[in-house]
Amino acid sequence: MSRVFVSQVPARWDRQEGCWREKFDLSPAEEHGELIALLPYGNVADDADTVKRQIADGLSSFDASKDSVLLLGDPVLIACIGAFMGEQGEDFVALKYDRRSDRYVRRRIAV
């Protein structure tokens, strides 16, 4: 089965409930595979080495022939994932939300 690696699920801290609340319904992306969050809720670490390690660990099983990425969250994190994917030397698929059809569409990214 294919997988969708989500860079970071946008969420906000609900002070009343004391828990994270996701900002968006990502279920439409599930038509492209199982959703796997790369980084947890909250702020991305300021330490670049930590972020690189988290990305490398999270994408270690990424299969460019069937998996895709959904780039959400911190723009610096998104740039780091793009750089990491480029270093792998393979084209990959990113999902883009299309408001008109209310679904995610596949976009091949050439490296």
Protein backbone atom coordinates (compact mmCIF):
# COMPACT_ATOMS: atom_id res chain seq x y z
CA MET A 1 0.00 0.00 0.00
CA SER A 2 1.22 3.50 -0.74
CA ARG A 3 1.90 6.02 2.00
CA VAL A 4 1.61 9.79 2.33
CA PHE A 5 4.35 11.31 4.45
CA VAL A 6 2.95 14.50 6.00
CA SER A 7 5.71 16.94 6.93
CA GLN A 8 3.83 18.28 9.95
CA VAL A 9 0.14 18.22 10.75
CA PRO A 10 -0.92 21.82 11.47
CA ALA A 11 -2.49 21.99 14.92
CA ARG A 12 -3.18 24.42 17.72
CA TRP A 13 -2.95 23.91 21.46
CA ASP A 14 -6.40 23.92 23.10
CA ARG A 15 -5.76 25.41 26.53
CA GLN A 16 -9.19 24.50 27.86
CA GLU A 17 -8.92 20.85 26.91
CA GLY A 18 -5.14 20.64 27.39
CA CYS A 19 -4.50 18.93 24.07
CA TRP A 20 -3.61 19.52 20.43
CA ARG A 21 -6.42 20.10 17.91
CA GLU A 22 -5.69 19.56 14.25
CA LYS A 23 -6.51 22.57 12.08
CA PHE A 24 -7.42 20.71 8.88
CA ASP A 25 -9.19 17.56 7.85
CA LEU A 26 -6.50 15.64 5.97
CA SER A 27 -8.73 12.63 5.26
CA PRO A 28 -9.04 13.51 1.55
CA ALA A 29 -5.30 12.75 1.25
CA GLU A 30 -5.95 9.18 2.40
CA GLU A 31 -7.07 8.29 -1.11
CA HIS A 32 -3.33 8.38 -1.93
CA GLY A 33 -2.28 6.13 0.95
CA GLU A 34 -1.81 5.80 4.68
CA LEU A 35 -0.97 9.14 6.34
CA ILE A 36 2.30 9.20 8.28
CA ALA A 37 3.30 12.36 10.18
CA LEU A 38 7.03 13.08 10.02
CA LEU A 39 7.23 15.60 12.88
CA PRO A 40 5.03 15.94 15.93
CA TYR A 41 2.68 18.83 16.69
CA GLY A 42 4.23 22.07 17.87
CA ASN A 43 7.31 24.06 17.02
CA VAL A 44 10.06 22.64 14.84
CA ALA A 45 13.42 22.40 16.60
CA ASP A 46 15.77 25.33 16.03
CA ASP A 47 18.71 22.94 15.72
CA ALA A 48 19.16 22.11 12.01
CA ASP A 49 20.91 18.82 12.75
CA THR A 50 17.95 17.63 14.83
CA VAL A 51 15.51 18.52 12.06
CA LYS A 52 17.67 16.83 9.41
CA ARG A 53 17.86 13.67 11.53
CA GLN A 54 14.08 13.67 12.08
CA ILE A 55 13.48 14.04 8.34
CA ALA A 56 16.02 11.34 7.42
CA ASP A 57 14.59 8.94 10.01
CA GLY A 58 11.01 9.64 9.00
CA LEU A 59 11.66 9.22 5.29
CA SER A 60 14.04 6.26 5.58
CA SER A 61 11.43 3.87 4.16
CA PHE A 62 10.09 6.31 1.53
CA ASP A 63 9.56 4.56 -1.81
CA ALA A 64 9.48 7.12 -4.64
CA SER A 65 7.74 4.62 -6.93
CA LYS A 66 4.55 4.59 -4.82
CA ASP A 67 4.74 7.00 -1.86
CA SER A 68 4.14 10.76 -1.78
CA VAL A 69 4.72 13.74 0.50
CA LEU A 70 2.22 16.27 1.76
CA LEU A 71 4.12 19.45 2.60
CA LEU A 72 2.38 21.29 5.44
CA GLY A 73 3.47 23.29 8.46
CA ASP A 74 6.63 25.29 9.06
CA PRO A 75 8.03 26.71 5.76
CA VAL A 76 11.62 26.02 6.88
CA LEU A 77 10.69 22.39 7.49
CA ILE A 78 9.11 22.19 4.03
CA ALA A 79 12.31 23.60 2.48
CA CYS A 80 14.42 21.07 4.41
CA ILE A 81 12.27 18.19 3.17
CA GLY A 82 12.57 19.45 -0.40
CA ALA A 83 16.34 19.62 -0.02
CA PHE A 84 16.44 16.14 1.49
CA MET A 85 14.32 14.70 -1.32
CA GLY A 86 16.58 16.37 -3.88
CA GLU A 87 19.64 14.78 -2.26
CA GLN A 88 18.05 11.35 -2.79
CA GLY A 89 18.36 11.91 -6.54
CA GLU A 90 14.92 10.58 -7.46
CA ASP A 91 11.85 12.40 -8.69
CA PHE A 92 9.05 12.26 -6.14
CA VAL A 93 5.36 13.02 -5.85
CA ALA A 94 3.97 15.83 -3.73
CA LEU A 95 0.27 16.24 -3.05
CA LYS A 96 -1.41 19.58 -3.66
CA TYR A 97 -4.87 20.46 -2.40
CA ASP A 98 -7.32 21.46 -5.12
CA ARG A 99 -10.13 23.56 -3.65
CA ARG A 100 -12.40 23.16 -6.65
CA SER A 101 -12.47 19.38 -6.45
CA ASP A 102 -11.96 19.24 -2.64
CA ARG A 103 -9.23 16.66 -3.03
CA TYR A 104 -5.48 16.28 -3.21
CA VAL A 105 -3.86 15.91 -6.61
CA ARG A 106 -0.49 14.38 -7.39
CA ARG A 107 2.34 16.55 -8.72
CA ARG A 108 5.60 14.96 -9.81
CA ILE A 109 8.62 16.95 -8.63
CA ALA A 110 11.70 16.49 -10.81
CA VAL A 111 15.06 16.64 -9.07
